Protein backbone atom coordinates (compact mmCIF):
# COMPACT_ATOMS: atom_id res chain seq x y z
CA UNK A 1 -25.22 -40.51 39.36
CA UNK A 2 -25.28 -41.00 35.60
CA UNK A 3 -24.67 -37.29 35.04
CA UNK A 4 -21.71 -37.40 37.41
CA UNK A 5 -20.20 -40.36 35.58
CA UNK A 6 -20.76 -38.66 32.23
CA UNK A 7 -19.08 -35.48 33.48
CA UNK A 8 -16.17 -37.48 34.88
CA UNK A 9 -15.73 -39.23 31.55
CA UNK A 10 -15.77 -35.90 29.72
CA UNK A 11 -13.10 -34.52 32.04
CA UNK A 12 -10.96 -37.63 31.63
CA UNK A 13 -11.39 -37.53 27.85
CA UNK A 14 -10.33 -33.89 27.50
CA UNK A 15 -7.41 -34.31 29.89
CA UNK A 16 -6.26 -37.33 27.90
CA UNK A 17 -6.62 -35.39 24.64
CA UNK A 18 -4.56 -32.52 26.08
CA UNK A 19 -1.88 -34.96 27.27
CA UNK A 20 -1.71 -36.61 23.83
CA UNK A 21 -1.44 -33.19 22.14
CA UNK A 22 1.42 -32.10 24.43
CA UNK A 23 3.18 -35.44 23.87
CA UNK A 24 2.91 -35.09 20.08
CA UNK A 25 4.17 -31.52 20.33
CA UNK A 26 7.11 -32.70 22.40
CA UNK A 27 8.05 -35.68 20.20
CA UNK A 28 7.45 -34.12 16.78
CA UNK A 29 8.52 -30.57 17.50
CA UNK A 30 11.42 -30.93 15.06
CA UNK A 31 9.09 -31.30 12.06
CA UNK A 32 5.98 -29.38 13.15
CA UNK A 33 7.10 -25.79 12.57
CA UNK A 34 6.01 -25.42 8.89
CA UNK A 35 2.69 -27.16 9.60
CA UNK A 36 1.90 -25.16 12.76
CA UNK A 37 2.82 -21.95 10.93
CA UNK A 38 0.57 -23.01 8.04
CA UNK A 39 -2.33 -23.70 10.42
CA UNK A 40 -1.88 -20.28 12.01
CA UNK A 41 -1.80 -18.57 8.61
CA UNK A 42 -4.82 -20.53 7.37
CA UNK A 43 -6.77 -19.58 10.48
CA UNK A 44 -5.91 -15.90 10.07
CA UNK A 45 -6.56 -15.82 6.30
CA UNK A 46 -9.73 -17.94 6.23
CA UNK A 47 -12.15 -14.98 6.62
CA UNK A 48 -10.61 -13.24 3.60
CA UNK A 49 -10.78 -16.43 1.52
CA UNK A 50 -14.38 -17.03 2.59
CA UNK A 51 -15.30 -13.48 1.60
CA UNK A 52 -13.85 -14.01 -1.88
CA UNK A 53 -15.79 -17.26 -2.15
CA UNK A 54 -19.01 -15.46 -1.27
CA UNK A 55 -18.30 -13.01 -4.09
CA UNK A 56 -18.44 -15.91 -6.53
CA UNK A 57 -14.78 -16.93 -6.69
CA UNK A 58 -14.11 -20.68 -6.53
CA UNK A 59 -12.69 -21.76 -3.19
CA UNK A 60 -9.43 -23.05 -4.70
CA UNK A 61 -8.93 -19.85 -6.72
CA UNK A 62 -9.75 -17.74 -3.65
CA UNK A 63 -7.21 -19.65 -1.56
CA UNK A 64 -4.59 -19.30 -4.30
CA UNK A 65 -5.22 -15.55 -4.61
CA UNK A 66 -4.98 -15.12 -0.85
CA UNK A 67 -1.67 -16.98 -0.61
CA UNK A 68 -0.33 -15.13 -3.65
CA UNK A 69 -1.16 -11.72 -2.19
CA UNK A 70 0.43 -12.61 1.14
CA UNK A 71 3.60 -13.92 -0.53
CA UNK A 72 3.82 -10.85 -2.78
CA UNK A 73 3.43 -8.51 0.20
CA UNK A 74 6.04 -10.51 2.15
CA UNK A 75 8.56 -10.42 -0.71
CA UNK A 76 8.07 -6.69 -1.29
CA UNK A 77 8.44 -5.98 2.41
CA UNK A 78 11.63 -8.05 2.61
CA UNK A 79 13.13 -6.31 -0.43
CA UNK A 80 12.32 -2.87 0.97
CA UNK A 81 13.00 -3.37 4.67
CA UNK A 82 15.63 -6.12 5.00
CA UNK A 83 18.63 -4.01 3.83
CA UNK A 84 17.71 -1.21 6.25
CA UNK A 85 17.20 -3.63 9.14
CA UNK A 86 20.49 -5.42 8.50
CA UNK A 87 22.45 -2.17 8.27
CA UNK A 88 20.89 -0.67 11.39
CA UNK A 89 21.16 -3.91 13.38
CA UNK A 90 24.87 -4.16 12.58
CA UNK A 91 25.39 -0.53 13.54
CA UNK A 92 23.40 -0.88 16.76
CA UNK A 93 25.44 -3.88 17.89
CA UNK A 94 28.67 -2.05 17.13
CA UNK A 95 27.54 1.05 19.04
CA UNK A 96 26.20 -0.67 22.17
CA UNK A 97 29.53 -0.31 24.04
CA UNK A 98 29.75 3.39 23.09
CA UNK A 99 26.19 4.04 24.24
CA UNK A 100 26.86 2.26 27.50
CA UNK A 101 30.01 4.31 28.14
CA UNK A 102 28.13 7.51 27.29
CA UNK A 103 25.41 6.72 29.83
CA UNK A 104 28.10 5.77 32.37
CA UNK A 105 29.75 9.15 31.91
CA UNK A 106 26.46 10.95 32.40
CA UNK A 107 25.71 9.06 35.60
CA UNK A 108 29.23 9.54 36.98
CA UNK A 109 29.20 13.33 36.41
CA UNK A 110 29.23 14.99 39.90
CA UNK A 111 27.05 17.83 38.64
CA UNK A 112 24.28 15.33 37.94
CA UNK A 113 24.35 13.24 41.11
CA UNK A 114 20.56 12.94 40.99
CA UNK A 115 20.92 10.88 37.81
CA UNK A 116 23.17 8.43 39.62
CA UNK A 117 20.64 8.08 42.42
CA UNK A 118 17.86 7.38 39.89
CA UNK A 119 19.75 4.84 37.77
CA UNK A 120 21.88 3.37 40.54
CA UNK A 121 25.47 3.90 41.56
CA UNK A 122 26.45 0.52 40.15
CA UNK A 123 26.09 1.84 36.61
CA UNK A 124 28.64 4.57 37.19
CA UNK A 125 31.20 2.25 38.71
CA UNK A 126 31.11 -0.42 36.07
CA UNK A 127 33.88 0.90 33.82
CA UNK A 128 35.76 -2.36 33.78
CA UNK A 129 32.71 -4.42 32.95
CA UNK A 130 31.55 -2.82 29.71
CA UNK A 131 32.95 -5.52 27.48
CA UNK A 132 31.70 -8.22 29.88
CA UNK A 133 28.26 -6.62 29.90
CA UNK A 134 28.08 -6.52 26.12
CA UNK A 135 29.45 -10.05 25.79
CA UNK A 136 26.97 -11.42 28.30
CA UNK A 137 24.07 -9.56 26.70
CA UNK A 138 24.88 -10.78 23.20
CA UNK A 139 25.48 -14.27 24.57
CA UNK A 140 22.07 -14.25 26.26
CA UNK A 141 20.42 -13.05 23.06
CA UNK A 142 22.15 -15.74 21.02
CA UNK A 143 21.18 -18.43 23.52
CA UNK A 144 17.58 -17.23 23.52
CA UNK A 145 17.34 -17.35 19.73
CA UNK A 146 18.93 -20.80 19.71
CA UNK A 147 16.45 -22.03 22.31
CA UNK A 148 13.55 -20.85 20.16
CA UNK A 149 14.93 -22.62 17.13
CA UNK A 150 16.23 -25.71 18.95
CA UNK A 151 13.10 -27.73 18.27
CA UNK A 152 13.57 -27.51 14.51
CA UNK A 153 17.30 -27.39 13.94
CA UNK A 154 17.57 -31.04 12.88
CA UNK A 155 15.08 -31.19 10.02
CA UNK A 156 13.73 -27.68 9.51
CA UNK A 157 15.55 -24.95 7.64
CA UNK A 158 14.52 -21.53 6.45
CA UNK A 159 14.13 -22.89 2.93
CA UNK A 160 11.77 -25.68 4.00
CA UNK A 161 9.75 -23.22 6.08
CA UNK A 162 9.35 -20.87 3.13
CA UNK A 163 8.49 -23.69 0.71
CA UNK A 164 6.35 -26.04 2.82
CA UNK A 165 4.33 -23.45 4.74
CA UNK A 166 2.66 -21.76 1.70
CA UNK A 167 1.79 -25.15 0.16
CA UNK A 168 0.24 -26.49 3.36
CA UNK A 169 -1.54 -23.17 3.94
CA UNK A 170 -3.12 -23.39 0.48
CA UNK A 171 -4.46 -26.90 1.07
CA UNK A 172 -5.78 -25.96 4.52
CA UNK A 173 -7.49 -22.84 3.17
CA UNK A 174 -9.00 -24.81 0.30
CA UNK A 175 -10.30 -27.59 2.56
CA UNK A 176 -11.11 -25.51 5.65
CA UNK A 177 -14.94 -25.78 5.44
CA UNK A 178 -14.71 -29.55 4.85
CA UNK A 179 -12.29 -29.95 7.76
CA UNK A 180 -14.62 -28.08 10.10
CA UNK A 181 -17.61 -30.12 8.93
CA UNK A 182 -15.71 -33.39 9.35
CA UNK A 183 -14.62 -32.58 12.89
CA UNK A 184 -18.16 -31.47 13.69
CA UNK A 185 -19.51 -34.89 12.69
CA UNK A 186 -17.18 -36.57 15.19
CA UNK A 187 -18.78 -34.78 18.14
CA UNK A 188 -21.22 -36.98 20.12
CA UNK A 189 -24.79 -35.85 19.46
CA UNK A 190 -25.77 -35.36 23.15
CA UNK A 191 -22.86 -32.96 23.68
CA UNK A 192 -22.81 -31.21 20.31
CA UNK A 193 -24.55 -28.05 21.54
CA UNK A 194 -22.16 -27.70 24.49
CA UNK A 195 -19.08 -28.31 22.34
CA UNK A 196 -20.32 -25.78 19.77
CA UNK A 197 -20.70 -23.18 22.50
CA UNK A 198 -17.21 -23.87 23.87
CA UNK A 199 -15.69 -23.87 20.38
CA UNK A 200 -17.37 -20.54 19.62
CA UNK A 201 -15.95 -19.01 22.81
CA UNK A 202 -12.48 -20.32 21.98
CA UNK A 203 -12.72 -19.01 18.41
CA UNK A 204 -13.84 -15.60 19.67
CA UNK A 205 -10.92 -15.41 22.08
CA UNK A 206 -8.32 -16.56 19.54
CA UNK A 207 -9.64 -14.51 16.64
CA UNK A 208 -10.10 -11.41 18.75
CA UNK A 209 -6.56 -11.51 20.05
CA UNK A 210 -4.48 -13.00 17.23
CA UNK A 211 -6.04 -11.10 14.33
CA UNK A 212 -6.62 -7.92 16.27
CA UNK A 213 -3.29 -7.83 18.08
CA UNK A 214 -1.37 -8.71 14.92
CA UNK A 215 -2.89 -5.68 13.20
CA UNK A 216 -2.14 -3.54 16.25
CA UNK A 217 1.51 -4.67 16.21
CA UNK A 218 1.81 -3.94 12.49
CA UNK A 219 0.36 -0.44 12.83
CA UNK A 220 2.51 0.33 15.88
CA UNK A 221 5.63 -0.94 14.11
CA UNK A 222 4.92 1.37 11.16
CA UNK A 223 4.19 4.32 13.46
CA UNK A 224 7.27 3.83 15.66
CA UNK A 225 9.59 3.18 12.71
CA UNK A 226 8.49 6.33 10.86
CA UNK A 227 8.10 8.49 13.98
CA UNK A 228 11.46 7.64 15.56
CA UNK A 229 13.21 7.97 12.20
CA UNK A 230 11.77 11.47 11.72
CA UNK A 231 13.04 12.52 15.17
CA UNK A 232 16.57 11.73 13.97
CA UNK A 233 17.10 8.95 16.53
CA UNK A 234 19.97 6.68 15.56
CA UNK A 235 18.64 3.29 14.40
CA UNK A 236 15.12 4.65 14.86
CA UNK A 237 13.70 2.48 12.08
CA UNK A 238 14.99 -0.73 13.65
CA UNK A 239 14.05 0.26 17.19
CA UNK A 240 10.59 1.27 16.01
CA UNK A 241 9.98 -2.03 14.24
CA UNK A 242 11.18 -3.98 17.28
CA UNK A 243 9.02 -1.94 19.64
CA UNK A 244 5.90 -2.45 17.55
CA UNK A 245 6.38 -6.18 16.99
CA UNK A 246 7.26 -6.82 20.64
CA UNK A 247 3.94 -5.25 21.62
CA UNK A 248 2.47 -8.70 20.99
CA UNK A 249 3.72 -9.53 24.52
CA UNK A 250 1.67 -7.32 26.89
CA UNK A 251 3.65 -4.78 28.93
CA UNK A 252 6.99 -6.54 28.38
CA UNK A 253 7.19 -5.50 24.72
CA UNK A 254 6.24 -1.86 25.28
CA UNK A 255 8.54 -1.46 28.31
CA UNK A 256 11.48 -3.02 26.46
CA UNK A 257 10.95 -0.69 23.51
CA UNK A 258 10.65 2.36 25.77
CA UNK A 259 13.83 1.56 27.71
CA UNK A 260 15.84 0.96 24.53
CA UNK A 261 14.49 4.15 22.96
CA UNK A 262 15.31 6.28 26.01
CA UNK A 263 18.79 4.76 26.35
CA UNK A 264 19.71 5.58 22.75
CA UNK A 265 18.07 9.03 22.99
CA UNK A 266 20.05 9.97 26.12
CA UNK A 267 23.30 8.67 24.66
CA UNK A 268 22.74 10.53 21.39
CA UNK A 269 21.09 13.85 22.32
CA UNK A 270 22.32 14.68 25.84
CA UNK A 271 22.36 17.47 27.04
CA UNK A 272 19.74 18.64 24.51
CA UNK A 273 16.57 17.85 26.43
CA UNK A 274 14.38 19.06 23.57
CA UNK A 275 15.02 16.10 21.30
CA UNK A 276 14.97 13.67 24.21
CA UNK A 277 11.48 14.93 25.04
CA UNK A 278 10.47 14.73 21.37
CA UNK A 279 11.58 11.08 21.18
CA UNK A 280 9.87 10.30 24.49
CA UNK A 281 6.69 12.05 23.36
CA UNK A 282 6.68 10.12 20.08
CA UNK A 283 6.87 6.81 21.94
CA UNK A 284 4.33 7.79 24.60
CA UNK A 285 1.90 8.95 21.91
CA UNK A 286 2.16 5.47 20.42
CA UNK A 287 1.29 3.98 23.81
CA UNK A 288 -1.76 6.25 24.08
CA UNK A 289 -2.89 5.27 20.57
CA UNK A 290 -2.43 1.60 21.43
CA UNK A 291 -4.25 1.76 24.78
CA UNK A 292 -7.15 4.04 23.88
CA UNK A 293 -7.68 3.64 20.13
CA UNK A 294 -6.10 0.59 18.47
CA UNK A 295 -6.55 -2.10 21.11
CA UNK A 296 -10.16 -1.20 22.06
CA UNK A 297 -11.18 -0.98 18.38
CA UNK A 298 -9.26 -3.91 16.90
CA UNK A 299 -8.91 -6.34 19.81
CA UNK A 300 -11.73 -5.44 22.17
CA UNK A 301 -12.36 -6.75 25.65
CA UNK A 302 -14.11 -10.00 24.73
CA UNK A 303 -11.01 -12.15 24.24
CA UNK A 304 -10.94 -13.34 27.84
CA UNK A 305 -7.12 -13.49 27.80
CA UNK A 306 -5.69 -11.84 30.90
CA UNK A 307 -2.30 -10.22 30.15
CA UNK A 308 -0.57 -12.08 33.00
CA UNK A 309 -1.91 -15.45 31.82
CA UNK A 310 -0.91 -14.64 28.25
CA UNK A 311 2.63 -13.65 29.25
CA UNK A 312 3.00 -16.87 31.24
CA UNK A 313 1.75 -18.95 28.31
CA UNK A 314 4.12 -17.28 25.83
CA UNK A 315 7.17 -17.73 28.04
CA UNK A 316 6.26 -21.23 29.23
CA UNK A 317 5.43 -22.69 25.81
CA UNK A 318 8.34 -20.85 24.21
CA UNK A 319 10.71 -22.32 26.79
CA UNK A 320 9.30 -25.86 26.52
CA UNK A 321 8.71 -26.16 22.77
CA UNK A 322 10.81 -23.42 21.16
CA UNK A 323 9.39 -21.38 18.28
CA UNK A 324 6.58 -23.90 17.75
CA UNK A 325 5.57 -23.26 21.35
CA UNK A 326 5.29 -19.53 20.67
CA UNK A 327 2.97 -20.21 17.72
CA UNK A 328 0.60 -22.42 19.73
CA UNK A 329 0.81 -20.46 23.00
CA UNK A 330 -2.04 -18.03 22.31
CA UNK A 331 -4.52 -20.64 20.96
CA UNK A 332 -3.76 -23.00 23.83
CA UNK A 333 -3.98 -20.19 26.38
CA UNK A 334 -7.36 -19.18 24.95
CA UNK A 335 -8.61 -22.79 24.90
CA UNK A 336 -7.44 -23.49 28.46
CA UNK A 337 -9.02 -20.25 29.66
CA UNK A 338 -12.39 -21.03 28.05
CA UNK A 339 -12.38 -24.63 29.34
CA UNK A 340 -11.45 -23.45 32.83
CA UNK A 341 -14.32 -20.94 32.89
CA UNK A 342 -16.69 -23.63 31.58
CA UNK A 343 -15.57 -26.07 34.27
CA UNK A 344 -15.98 -23.37 36.93
CA UNK A 345 -19.53 -22.62 35.75
CA UNK A 346 -20.39 -26.32 35.86
CA UNK A 347 -18.94 -26.56 39.35
CA UNK A 348 -20.97 -23.59 40.61
CA UNK A 349 -24.11 -25.24 39.22
CA UNK A 350 -23.30 -28.66 40.65
CA UNK A 351 -24.58 -30.34 43.81
CA UNK A 352 -21.03 -30.34 45.14
CA UNK A 353 -21.14 -26.53 45.36
CA UNK A 354 -24.83 -25.87 46.09
CA UNK A 355 -25.29 -28.79 48.49
CA UNK A 356 -28.78 -29.36 47.07
CA UNK A 357 -30.23 -32.83 47.19
CA UNK A 358 -30.91 -34.48 43.80
CA UNK A 359 -34.53 -33.91 42.70
């Protein structure tokens, strides 16, 4: 009976803690973005800072070096890539109607009726709706971006994000061991071993996915950007970067990148199937590298994050809490998954499941 009461109290406590966290996220979403981003960066960069500390560098100096290197890499990347991205993005938006009309013409050609059957007759008969299609698509994209940023539009600006986030990240990196030790002392002694085990499982899931998948996305973005550019695909650099970065969302990112790549390739190269196949092969090779080399080596299978659950968490938290929700979606999805598996194990061991009489 005592064990049952204790378990009930634990469940009530963690449910209450989750409710308080969601409430704080809801109420303070307008000011949380720099701090949540700083926590995410500190979590990702802590192993590197700890390694420098083990080499004899003071913790504060190690944290400062880590932040400095990240900022330098970010600034260099922006200076090198931003002009290309802006130019190609502007050109892509301007050429969307032309690409759509080109694909329409291909589908409507009587000599290629099979293409119309594959893509649908509605595409061929939509001549009058090209401008409406483009307008609606751009309007949806604008609304989506606004919804992501809605939680921080009142008090958060790009400048505050760039200024506040590095400062908070530095302090978190510098105090990370003390923060972990302080939180550890708050855990009730009878449950410390259990909480440590749960926390280790959550850390394994988060670290395995966030750090590993981030590196996978970066490598894929570099590969797609260079590969599609070398094939001569219009806006290949931009499309490649988008395809790689969107790979963070399982299946949805890769399929979106593939469809966009094929659409531009058909509109640009038709009827030269050679270059269409080269572009398709470049993208498919990236998918093979991701599925059989990068993801198994860098992410592994121990994260415990099912792709469907992860997609739901990203869309749900992004819809509810904007960009802050996207930042906390993966950690919360990992934590909820670990806690659910722990609760299921406890249930399968309980008298309620086994029907055994208490000893």
